[in-house]
Amino acid sequence: MRIVAVTACPTGIAHTYMAAERLEKAAKKLGHAIKVETQGAMGIENALTEADVKAADVVLLAVGIPVRDRARFDGRRVVEASVQEAIRNPEGIVASLGT
């Protein structure tokens, strides 16, 4: 499965990046490809391209704030989770994307 994800928390510092790292590790462990965009204090990093979004089977939004430029995901399967859940249970979230 190909996953694109966005992580973002209210302060945009530690939790944004912790969630991204844990989701990346979980996806790889479970045999999935993933690209994670972070929307943090440093702005948008590792931005998802239009091609990334089109090629994805699912969009995962692990956020605690509104996602910037959310319209780019219109028409795609979008699953939402909290940043805290992505940190605590990344494998559970990734495994649930296949259902």
PDB file of N, CA and C in Angstrom:
ATOM      1  N   MET A   1       0.850  -1.173   0.000  1.00  0.00           N
ATOM      2  CA  MET A   1       0.000   0.000   0.000  1.00  0.00           C
ATOM      3  C   MET A   1       0.897   1.239   0.000  1.00  0.00           C
ATOM      4  N   ARG A   2       0.465   2.248  -0.722  1.00  0.00           N
ATOM      5  CA  ARG A   2       1.177   3.532  -0.756  1.00  0.00           C
ATOM      6  C   ARG A   2       0.392   4.540   0.085  1.00  0.00           C
ATOM      7  N   ILE A   3       1.077   5.107   1.051  1.00  0.00           N
ATOM      8  CA  ILE A   3       0.464   6.037   1.993  1.00  0.00           C
ATOM      9  C   ILE A   3       1.144   7.389   1.869  1.00  0.00           C
ATOM     10  N   VAL A   4       0.337   8.447   1.871  1.00  0.00           N
ATOM     11  CA  VAL A   4       0.879   9.783   2.090  1.00  0.00           C
ATOM     12  C   VAL A   4       0.256  10.278   3.386  1.00  0.00           C
ATOM     13  N   ALA A   5       1.028  11.012   4.153  1.00  0.00           N
ATOM     14  CA  ALA A   5       0.552  11.455   5.456  1.00  0.00           C
ATOM     15  C   ALA A   5       0.973  12.888   5.713  1.00  0.00           C
ATOM     16  N   VAL A   6       0.210  13.539   6.582  1.00  0.00           N
ATOM     17  CA  VAL A   6       0.558  14.865   7.079  1.00  0.00           C
ATOM     18  C   VAL A   6       0.498  14.788   8.595  1.00  0.00           C
ATOM     19  N   THR A   7       1.539  15.287   9.253  1.00  0.00           N
ATOM     20  CA  THR A   7       1.517  15.400  10.709  1.00  0.00           C
ATOM     21  C   THR A   7       1.629  16.880  11.068  1.00  0.00           C
ATOM     22  N   ALA A   8       0.873  17.277  12.078  1.00  0.00           N
ATOM     23  CA  ALA A   8       0.902  18.671  12.532  1.00  0.00           C
ATOM     24  C   ALA A   8       0.288  18.749  13.921  1.00  0.00           C
ATOM     25  N   CYS A   9       0.945  19.478  14.804  1.00  0.00           N
ATOM     26  CA  CYS A   9       0.401  19.687  16.142  1.00  0.00           C
ATOM     27  C   CYS A   9       0.314  21.191  16.401  1.00  0.00           C
ATOM     28  N   PRO A  10      -0.406  21.598  17.441  1.00  0.00           N
ATOM     29  CA  PRO A  10      -0.598  23.031  17.694  1.00  0.00           C
ATOM     30  C   PRO A  10       0.696  23.841  17.819  1.00  0.00           C
ATOM     31  N   THR A  11       1.708  23.300  18.470  1.00  0.00           N
ATOM     32  CA  THR A  11       2.948  24.064  18.600  1.00  0.00           C
ATOM     33  C   THR A  11       3.894  23.814  17.445  1.00  0.00           C
ATOM     34  N   GLY A  12       3.714  22.697  16.751  1.00  0.00           N
ATOM     35  CA  GLY A  12       4.507  22.414  15.565  1.00  0.00           C
ATOM     36  C   GLY A  12       5.962  22.126  15.833  1.00  0.00           C
ATOM     37  N   ILE A  13       6.229  21.573  16.992  1.00  0.00           N
ATOM     38  CA  ILE A  13       7.631  21.279  17.298  1.00  0.00           C
ATOM     39  C   ILE A  13       7.795  19.769  17.455  1.00  0.00           C
ATOM     40  N   ALA A  14       7.968  19.289  18.639  1.00  0.00           N
ATOM     41  CA  ALA A  14       8.340  17.897  18.871  1.00  0.00           C
ATOM     42  C   ALA A  14       7.317  16.875  18.392  1.00  0.00           C
ATOM     43  N   HIS A  15       6.064  17.034  18.751  1.00  0.00           N
ATOM     44  CA  HIS A  15       5.081  15.990  18.443  1.00  0.00           C
ATOM     45  C   HIS A  15       4.870  15.802  16.949  1.00  0.00           C
ATOM     46  N   THR A  16       4.931  16.868  16.180  1.00  0.00           N
ATOM     47  CA  THR A  16       4.795  16.763  14.726  1.00  0.00           C
ATOM     48  C   THR A  16       5.835  15.813  14.167  1.00  0.00           C
ATOM     49  N   TYR A  17       7.072  15.990  14.587  1.00  0.00           N
ATOM     50  CA  TYR A  17       8.182  15.209  14.062  1.00  0.00           C
ATOM     51  C   TYR A  17       8.233  13.803  14.669  1.00  0.00           C
ATOM     52  N   MET A  18       7.853  13.672  15.923  1.00  0.00           N
ATOM     53  CA  MET A  18       7.788  12.345  16.547  1.00  0.00           C
ATOM     54  C   MET A  18       6.748  11.482  15.840  1.00  0.00           C
ATOM     55  N   ALA A  19       5.594  12.051  15.557  1.00  0.00           N
ATOM     56  CA  ALA A  19       4.536  11.307  14.871  1.00  0.00           C
ATOM     57  C   ALA A  19       5.000  10.888  13.479  1.00  0.00           C
ATOM     58  N   ALA A  20       5.645  11.778  12.767  1.00  0.00           N
ATOM     59  CA  ALA A  20       6.131  11.458  11.425  1.00  0.00           C
ATOM     60  C   ALA A  20       7.114  10.294  11.467  1.00  0.00           C
ATOM     61  N   GLU A  21       8.058  10.361  12.372  1.00  0.00           N
ATOM     62  CA  GLU A  21       9.072   9.315  12.480  1.00  0.00           C
ATOM     63  C   GLU A  21       8.454   7.966  12.837  1.00  0.00           C
ATOM     64  N   ARG A  22       7.530   7.967  13.755  1.00  0.00           N
ATOM     65  CA  ARG A  22       6.911   6.700  14.177  1.00  0.00           C
ATOM     66  C   ARG A  22       6.031   6.107  13.084  1.00  0.00           C
ATOM     67  N   LEU A  23       5.317   6.958  12.351  1.00  0.00           N
ATOM     68  CA  LEU A  23       4.503   6.455  11.235  1.00  0.00           C
ATOM     69  C   LEU A  23       5.390   5.881  10.135  1.00  0.00           C
ATOM     70  N   GLU A  24       6.513   6.531   9.855  1.00  0.00           N
ATOM     71  CA  GLU A  24       7.431   6.027   8.838  1.00  0.00           C
ATOM     72  C   GLU A  24       7.969   4.653   9.227  1.00  0.00           C
ATOM     73  N   LYS A  25       8.389   4.512  10.459  1.00  0.00           N
ATOM     74  CA  LYS A  25       8.918   3.225  10.932  1.00  0.00           C
ATOM     75  C   LYS A  25       7.852   2.140  10.901  1.00  0.00           C
ATOM     76  N   ALA A  26       6.647   2.468  11.340  1.00  0.00           N
ATOM     77  CA  ALA A  26       5.560   1.487  11.363  1.00  0.00           C
ATOM     78  C   ALA A  26       5.193   1.037   9.954  1.00  0.00           C
ATOM     79  N   ALA A  27       5.084   1.979   9.036  1.00  0.00           N
ATOM     80  CA  ALA A  27       4.724   1.634   7.658  1.00  0.00           C
ATOM     81  C   ALA A  27       5.778   0.717   7.044  1.00  0.00           C
ATOM     82  N   LYS A  28       7.027   1.057   7.212  1.00  0.00           N
ATOM     83  CA  LYS A  28       8.098   0.227   6.663  1.00  0.00           C
ATOM     84  C   LYS A  28       8.082  -1.163   7.285  1.00  0.00           C
ATOM     85  N   LYS A  29       7.877  -1.235   8.591  1.00  0.00           N
ATOM     86  CA  LYS A  29       7.832  -2.521   9.280  1.00  0.00           C
ATOM     87  C   LYS A  29       6.702  -3.402   8.740  1.00  0.00           C
ATOM     88  N   LEU A  30       5.584  -2.769   8.388  1.00  0.00           N
ATOM     89  CA  LEU A  30       4.422  -3.503   7.898  1.00  0.00           C
ATOM     90  C   LEU A  30       4.436  -3.666   6.370  1.00  0.00           C
ATOM     91  N   GLY A  31       5.516  -3.218   5.717  1.00  0.00           N
ATOM     92  CA  GLY A  31       5.684  -3.442   4.291  1.00  0.00           C
ATOM     93  C   GLY A  31       5.001  -2.445   3.374  1.00  0.00           C
ATOM     94  N   HIS A  32       4.750  -1.246   3.868  1.00  0.00           N
ATOM     95  CA  HIS A  32       4.084  -0.219   3.073  1.00  0.00           C
ATOM     96  C   HIS A  32       5.039   0.926   2.749  1.00  0.00           C
ATOM     97  N   ALA A  33       4.789   1.579   1.621  1.00  0.00           N
ATOM     98  CA  ALA A  33       5.536   2.780   1.252  1.00  0.00           C
ATOM     99  C   ALA A  33       4.819   3.979   1.861  1.00  0.00           C
ATOM    100  N   ILE A  34       5.581   4.933   2.377  1.00  0.00           N
ATOM    101  CA  ILE A  34       4.964   6.115   2.989  1.00  0.00           C
ATOM    102  C   ILE A  34       5.825   7.345   2.732  1.00  0.00           C
ATOM    103  N   LYS A  35       5.159   8.458   2.547  1.00  0.00           N
ATOM    104  CA  LYS A  35       5.826   9.763   2.512  1.00  0.00           C
ATOM    105  C   LYS A  35       5.044  10.651   3.466  1.00  0.00           C
ATOM    106  N   VAL A  36       5.760  11.292   4.387  1.00  0.00           N
ATOM    107  CA  VAL A  36       5.117  12.111   5.413  1.00  0.00           C
ATOM    108  C   VAL A  36       5.538  13.569   5.258  1.00  0.00           C
ATOM    109  N   GLU A  37       4.545  14.427   5.126  1.00  0.00           N
ATOM    110  CA  GLU A  37       4.754  15.873   5.128  1.00  0.00           C
ATOM    111  C   GLU A  37       4.544  16.366   6.553  1.00  0.00           C
ATOM    112  N   THR A  38       5.450  17.192   7.044  1.00  0.00           N
ATOM    113  CA  THR A  38       5.261  17.799   8.362  1.00  0.00           C
ATOM    114  C   THR A  38       4.880  19.261   8.184  1.00  0.00           C
ATOM    115  N   GLN A  39       3.922  19.685   8.974  1.00  0.00           N
ATOM    116  CA  GLN A  39       3.511  21.082   9.005  1.00  0.00           C
ATOM    117  C   GLN A  39       3.764  21.566  10.420  1.00  0.00           C
ATOM    118  N   GLY A  40       4.959  22.121  10.621  1.00  0.00           N
ATOM    119  CA  GLY A  40       5.370  22.509  11.956  1.00  0.00           C
ATOM    120  C   GLY A  40       5.826  23.944  12.041  1.00  0.00           C
ATOM    121  N   ALA A  41       6.555  24.219  13.093  1.00  0.00           N
ATOM    122  CA  ALA A  41       7.048  25.572  13.352  1.00  0.00           C
ATOM    123  C   ALA A  41       7.976  26.054  12.234  1.00  0.00           C
ATOM    124  N   MET A  42       8.587  25.124  11.528  1.00  0.00           N
ATOM    125  CA  MET A  42       9.501  25.462  10.438  1.00  0.00           C
ATOM    126  C   MET A  42       8.768  25.580   9.102  1.00  0.00           C
ATOM    127  N   GLY A  43       7.439  25.524   9.137  1.00  0.00           N
ATOM    128  CA  GLY A  43       6.662  25.551   7.901  1.00  0.00           C
ATOM    129  C   GLY A  43       6.409  24.140   7.403  1.00  0.00           C
ATOM    130  N   ILE A  44       6.147  24.019   6.119  1.00  0.00           N
ATOM    131  CA  ILE A  44       5.906  22.706   5.527  1.00  0.00           C
ATOM    132  C   ILE A  44       7.239  22.129   5.090  1.00  0.00           C
ATOM    133  N   GLU A  45       7.503  20.909   5.554  1.00  0.00           N
ATOM    134  CA  GLU A  45       8.727  20.207   5.176  1.00  0.00           C
ATOM    135  C   GLU A  45       8.345  18.881   4.534  1.00  0.00           C
ATOM    136  N   ASN A  46       9.160  18.436   3.580  1.00  0.00           N
ATOM    137  CA  ASN A  46       8.919  17.191   2.856  1.00  0.00           C
ATOM    138  C   ASN A  46       7.541  17.234   2.180  1.00  0.00           C
ATOM    139  N   ALA A  47       7.249  18.346   1.533  1.00  0.00           N
ATOM    140  CA  ALA A  47       5.930  18.591   0.947  1.00  0.00           C
ATOM    141  C   ALA A  47       5.513  17.484  -0.014  1.00  0.00           C
ATOM    142  N   LEU A  48       4.253  17.095   0.101  1.00  0.00           N
ATOM    143  CA  LEU A  48       3.679  16.109  -0.807  1.00  0.00           C
ATOM    144  C   LEU A  48       3.411  16.774  -2.146  1.00  0.00           C
ATOM    145  N   THR A  49       3.823  16.124  -3.208  1.00  0.00           N
ATOM    146  CA  THR A  49       3.569  16.649  -4.545  1.00  0.00           C
ATOM    147  C   THR A  49       2.217  16.141  -5.034  1.00  0.00           C
ATOM    148  N   GLU A  50       1.739  16.739  -6.097  1.00  0.00           N
ATOM    149  CA  GLU A  50       0.495  16.271  -6.711  1.00  0.00           C
ATOM    150  C   GLU A  50       0.646  14.812  -7.135  1.00  0.00           C
ATOM    151  N   ALA A  51       1.808  14.456  -7.654  1.00  0.00           N
ATOM    152  CA  ALA A  51       2.063  13.068  -8.066  1.00  0.00           C
ATOM    153  C   ALA A  51       2.040  12.124  -6.863  1.00  0.00           C
ATOM    154  N   ASP A  52       2.607  12.565  -5.733  1.00  0.00           N
ATOM    155  CA  ASP A  52       2.579  11.742  -4.516  1.00  0.00           C
ATOM    156  C   ASP A  52       1.138  11.430  -4.127  1.00  0.00           C
ATOM    157  N   VAL A  53       0.303  12.453  -4.126  1.00  0.00           N
ATOM    158  CA  VAL A  53      -1.086  12.303  -3.696  1.00  0.00           C
ATOM    159  C   VAL A  53      -1.851  11.403  -4.671  1.00  0.00           C
ATOM    160  N   LYS A  54      -1.645  11.602  -5.957  1.00  0.00           N
ATOM    161  CA  LYS A  54      -2.346  10.785  -6.956  1.00  0.00           C
ATOM    162  C   LYS A  54      -1.947   9.317  -6.878  1.00  0.00           C
ATOM    163  N   ALA A  55      -0.689   9.047  -6.573  1.00  0.00           N
ATOM    164  CA  ALA A  55      -0.192   7.670  -6.524  1.00  0.00           C
ATOM    165  C   ALA A  55      -0.572   6.949  -5.242  1.00  0.00           C
ATOM    166  N   ALA A  56      -1.019   7.682  -4.239  1.00  0.00           N
ATOM    167  CA  ALA A  56      -1.308   7.083  -2.932  1.00  0.00           C
ATOM    168  C   ALA A  56      -2.623   6.313  -2.923  1.00  0.00           C
ATOM    169  N   ASP A  57      -2.625   5.255  -2.140  1.00  0.00           N
ATOM    170  CA  ASP A  57      -3.857   4.493  -1.908  1.00  0.00           C
ATOM    171  C   ASP A  57      -4.698   5.145  -0.822  1.00  0.00           C
ATOM    172  N   VAL A  58      -4.033   5.861   0.087  1.00  0.00           N
ATOM    173  CA  VAL A  58      -4.731   6.477   1.207  1.00  0.00           C
ATOM    174  C   VAL A  58      -3.939   7.683   1.702  1.00  0.00           C
ATOM    175  N   VAL A  59      -4.673   8.658   2.224  1.00  0.00           N
ATOM    176  CA  VAL A  59      -4.087   9.844   2.843  1.00  0.00           C
ATOM    177  C   VAL A  59      -4.348   9.747   4.340  1.00  0.00           C
ATOM    178  N   LEU A  60      -3.308   9.840   5.139  1.00  0.00           N
ATOM    179  CA  LEU A  60      -3.433   9.808   6.593  1.00  0.00           C
ATOM    180  C   LEU A  60      -3.123  11.199   7.127  1.00  0.00           C
ATOM    181  N   LEU A  61      -4.051  11.758   7.874  1.00  0.00           N
ATOM    182  CA  LEU A  61      -3.842  13.051   8.520  1.00  0.00           C
ATOM    183  C   LEU A  61      -3.748  12.814  10.017  1.00  0.00           C
ATOM    184  N   ALA A  62      -2.534  12.892  10.549  1.00  0.00           N
ATOM    185  CA  ALA A  62      -2.311  12.739  11.987  1.00  0.00           C
ATOM    186  C   ALA A  62      -2.050  14.140  12.520  1.00  0.00           C
ATOM    187  N   VAL A  63      -3.136  14.815  12.883  1.00  0.00           N
ATOM    188  CA  VAL A  63      -3.045  16.243  13.166  1.00  0.00           C
ATOM    189  C   VAL A  63      -3.845  16.648  14.395  1.00  0.00           C
ATOM    190  N   GLY A  64      -3.462  17.790  14.934  1.00  0.00           N
ATOM    191  CA  GLY A  64      -4.198  18.394  16.039  1.00  0.00           C
ATOM    192  C   GLY A  64      -4.646  19.799  15.682  1.00  0.00           C
ATOM    193  N   ILE A  65      -4.379  20.188  14.440  1.00  0.00           N
ATOM    194  CA  ILE A  65      -4.761  21.498  13.914  1.00  0.00           C
ATOM    195  C   ILE A  65      -5.238  21.303  12.481  1.00  0.00           C
ATOM    196  N   PRO A  66      -5.905  22.299  11.900  1.00  0.00           N
ATOM    197  CA  PRO A  66      -6.314  22.166  10.495  1.00  0.00           C
ATOM    198  C   PRO A  66      -5.102  22.020   9.571  1.00  0.00           C
ATOM    199  N   VAL A  67      -5.231  21.162   8.581  1.00  0.00           N
ATOM    200  CA  VAL A  67      -4.171  20.924   7.609  1.00  0.00           C
ATOM    201  C   VAL A  67      -4.161  22.047   6.579  1.00  0.00           C
ATOM    202  N   ARG A  68      -2.988  22.556   6.276  1.00  0.00           N
ATOM    203  CA  ARG A  68      -2.855  23.571   5.235  1.00  0.00           C
ATOM    204  C   ARG A  68      -3.065  22.917   3.869  1.00  0.00           C
ATOM    205  N   ASP A  69      -3.783  23.568   3.004  1.00  0.00           N
ATOM    206  CA  ASP A  69      -4.014  23.118   1.638  1.00  0.00           C
ATOM    207  C   ASP A  69      -4.699  21.741   1.593  1.00  0.00           C
ATOM    208  N   ARG A  70      -5.695  21.568   2.427  1.00  0.00           N
ATOM    209  CA  ARG A  70      -6.394  20.285   2.517  1.00  0.00           C
ATOM    210  C   ARG A  70      -7.141  19.927   1.230  1.00  0.00           C
ATOM    211  N   ALA A  71      -7.519  20.910   0.451  1.00  0.00           N
ATOM    212  CA  ALA A  71      -8.282  20.658  -0.777  1.00  0.00           C
ATOM    213  C   ALA A  71      -7.538  19.735  -1.741  1.00  0.00           C
ATOM    214  N   ARG A  72      -6.225  19.661  -1.653  1.00  0.00           N
ATOM    215  CA  ARG A  72      -5.466  18.793  -2.558  1.00  0.00           C
ATOM    216  C   ARG A  72      -5.780  17.312  -2.350  1.00  0.00           C
ATOM    217  N   PHE A  73      -6.454  16.994  -1.225  1.00  0.00           N
ATOM    218  CA  PHE A  73      -6.818  15.611  -0.938  1.00  0.00           C
ATOM    219  C   PHE A  73      -8.258  15.281  -1.317  1.00  0.00           C
ATOM    220  N   ASP A  74      -8.975  16.261  -1.875  1.00  0.00           N
ATOM    221  CA  ASP A  74     -10.358  16.031  -2.287  1.00  0.00           C
ATOM    222  C   ASP A  74     -10.419  14.861  -3.268  1.00  0.00           C
ATOM    223  N   GLY A  75     -11.382  13.993  -3.062  1.00  0.00           N
ATOM    224  CA  GLY A  75     -11.553  12.838  -3.929  1.00  0.00           C
ATOM    225  C   GLY A  75     -10.682  11.651  -3.571  1.00  0.00           C
ATOM    226  N   ARG A  76      -9.848  11.803  -2.578  1.00  0.00           N
ATOM    227  CA  ARG A  76      -8.966  10.717  -2.123  1.00  0.00           C
ATOM    228  C   ARG A  76      -9.529  10.123  -0.842  1.00  0.00           C
ATOM    229  N   ARG A  77      -9.164   8.895  -0.542  1.00  0.00           N
ATOM    230  CA  ARG A  77      -9.544   8.291   0.734  1.00  0.00           C
ATOM    231  C   ARG A  77      -8.684   8.926   1.822  1.00  0.00           C
ATOM    232  N   VAL A  78      -9.336   9.586   2.775  1.00  0.00           N
ATOM    233  CA  VAL A  78      -8.632  10.283   3.850  1.00  0.00           C
ATOM    234  C   VAL A  78      -9.019   9.663   5.184  1.00  0.00           C
ATOM    235  N   VAL A  79      -8.006   9.325   5.978  1.00  0.00           N
ATOM    236  CA  VAL A  79      -8.206   8.793   7.320  1.00  0.00           C
ATOM    237  C   VAL A  79      -7.559   9.773   8.286  1.00  0.00           C
ATOM    238  N   GLU A  80      -8.274  10.110   9.354  1.00  0.00           N
ATOM    239  CA  GLU A  80      -7.735  11.055  10.335  1.00  0.00           C
ATOM    240  C   GLU A  80      -7.448  10.369  11.665  1.00  0.00           C
ATOM    241  N   ALA A  81      -6.393  10.831  12.313  1.00  0.00           N
ATOM    242  CA  ALA A  81      -6.011  10.359  13.642  1.00  0.00           C
ATOM    243  C   ALA A  81      -5.380  11.536  14.367  1.00  0.00           C
ATOM    244  N   SER A  82      -5.296  11.438  15.665  1.00  0.00           N
ATOM    245  CA  SER A  82      -4.628  12.497  16.426  1.00  0.00           C
ATOM    246  C   SER A  82      -3.113  12.291  16.383  1.00  0.00           C
ATOM    247  N   VAL A  83      -2.394  13.360  16.601  1.00  0.00           N
ATOM    248  CA  VAL A  83      -0.935  13.277  16.678  1.00  0.00           C
ATOM    249  C   VAL A  83      -0.542  12.332  17.812  1.00  0.00           C
ATOM    250  N   GLN A  84      -1.246  12.439  18.940  1.00  0.00           N
ATOM    251  CA  GLN A  84      -0.931  11.597  20.085  1.00  0.00           C
ATOM    252  C   GLN A  84      -1.116  10.116  19.752  1.00  0.00           C
ATOM    253  N   GLU A  85      -2.170   9.788  19.014  1.00  0.00           N
ATOM    254  CA  GLU A  85      -2.403   8.396  18.624  1.00  0.00           C
ATOM    255  C   GLU A  85      -1.299   7.904  17.687  1.00  0.00           C
ATOM    256  N   ALA A  86      -0.850   8.770  16.795  1.00  0.00           N
ATOM    257  CA  ALA A  86       0.230   8.400  15.883  1.00  0.00           C
ATOM    258  C   ALA A  86       1.531   8.130  16.642  1.00  0.00           C
ATOM    259  N   ILE A  87       1.729   8.801  17.740  1.00  0.00           N
ATOM    260  CA  ILE A  87       2.923   8.579  18.555  1.00  0.00           C
ATOM    261  C   ILE A  87       2.776   7.307  19.391  1.00  0.00           C
ATOM    262  N   ARG A  88       1.601   7.118  19.979  1.00  0.00           N
ATOM    263  CA  ARG A  88       1.373   5.963  20.863  1.00  0.00           C
ATOM    264  C   ARG A  88       1.152   4.656  20.124  1.00  0.00           C
ATOM    265  N   ASN A  89       0.448   4.695  18.992  1.00  0.00           N
ATOM    266  CA  ASN A  89       0.033   3.462  18.320  1.00  0.00           C
ATOM    267  C   ASN A  89       0.183   3.562  16.799  1.00  0.00           C
ATOM    268  N   PRO A  90       1.378   3.848  16.321  1.00  0.00           N
ATOM    269  CA  PRO A  90       1.539   4.014  14.875  1.00  0.00           C
ATOM    270  C   PRO A  90       1.246   2.738  14.086  1.00  0.00           C
ATOM    271  N   GLU A  91       1.651   1.591  14.601  1.00  0.00           N
ATOM    272  CA  GLU A  91       1.391   0.332  13.896  1.00  0.00           C
ATOM    273  C   GLU A  91      -0.104   0.054  13.790  1.00  0.00           C
ATOM    274  N   GLY A  92      -0.835   0.355  14.844  1.00  0.00           N
ATOM    275  CA  GLY A  92      -2.280   0.159  14.815  1.00  0.00           C
ATOM    276  C   GLY A  92      -2.941   1.030  13.775  1.00  0.00           C
ATOM    277  N   ILE A  93      -2.496   2.277  13.679  1.00  0.00           N
ATOM    278  CA  ILE A  93      -3.062   3.199  12.691  1.00  0.00           C
ATOM    279  C   ILE A  93      -2.746   2.705  11.283  1.00  0.00           C
ATOM    280  N   VAL A  94      -1.487   2.385  11.023  1.00  0.00           N
ATOM    281  CA  VAL A  94      -1.100   1.945   9.692  1.00  0.00           C
ATOM    282  C   VAL A  94      -1.826   0.649   9.331  1.00  0.00           C
ATOM    283  N   ALA A  95      -1.913  -0.285  10.258  1.00  0.00           N
ATOM    284  CA  ALA A  95      -2.607  -1.548   9.980  1.00  0.00           C
ATOM    285  C   ALA A  95      -4.080  -1.306   9.645  1.00  0.00           C
ATOM    286  N   SER A  96      -4.709  -0.322  10.279  1.00  0.00           N
ATOM    287  CA  SER A  96      -6.124  -0.049  10.045  1.00  0.00           C
ATOM    288  C   SER A  96      -6.375   0.576   8.676  1.00  0.00           C
ATOM    289  N   LEU A  97      -5.359   1.106   8.032  1.00  0.00           N
ATOM    290  CA  LEU A  97      -5.529   1.755   6.733  1.00  0.00           C
ATOM    291  C   LEU A  97      -5.890   0.768   5.630  1.00  0.00           C
ATOM    292  N   GLY A  98      -5.528  -0.475   5.828  1.00  0.00           N
ATOM    293  CA  GLY A  98      -5.837  -1.491   4.837  1.00  0.00           C
ATOM    294  C   GLY A  98      -7.253  -1.999   4.892  1.00  0.00           C
ATOM    295  N   THR A  99      -8.013  -1.560   5.897  1.00  0.00           N
ATOM    296  CA  THR A  99      -9.387  -2.061   6.032  1.00  0.00           C
ATOM    297  C   THR A  99     -10.389  -1.098   5.471  1.00  0.00           C
TER     298      THR A  99
END
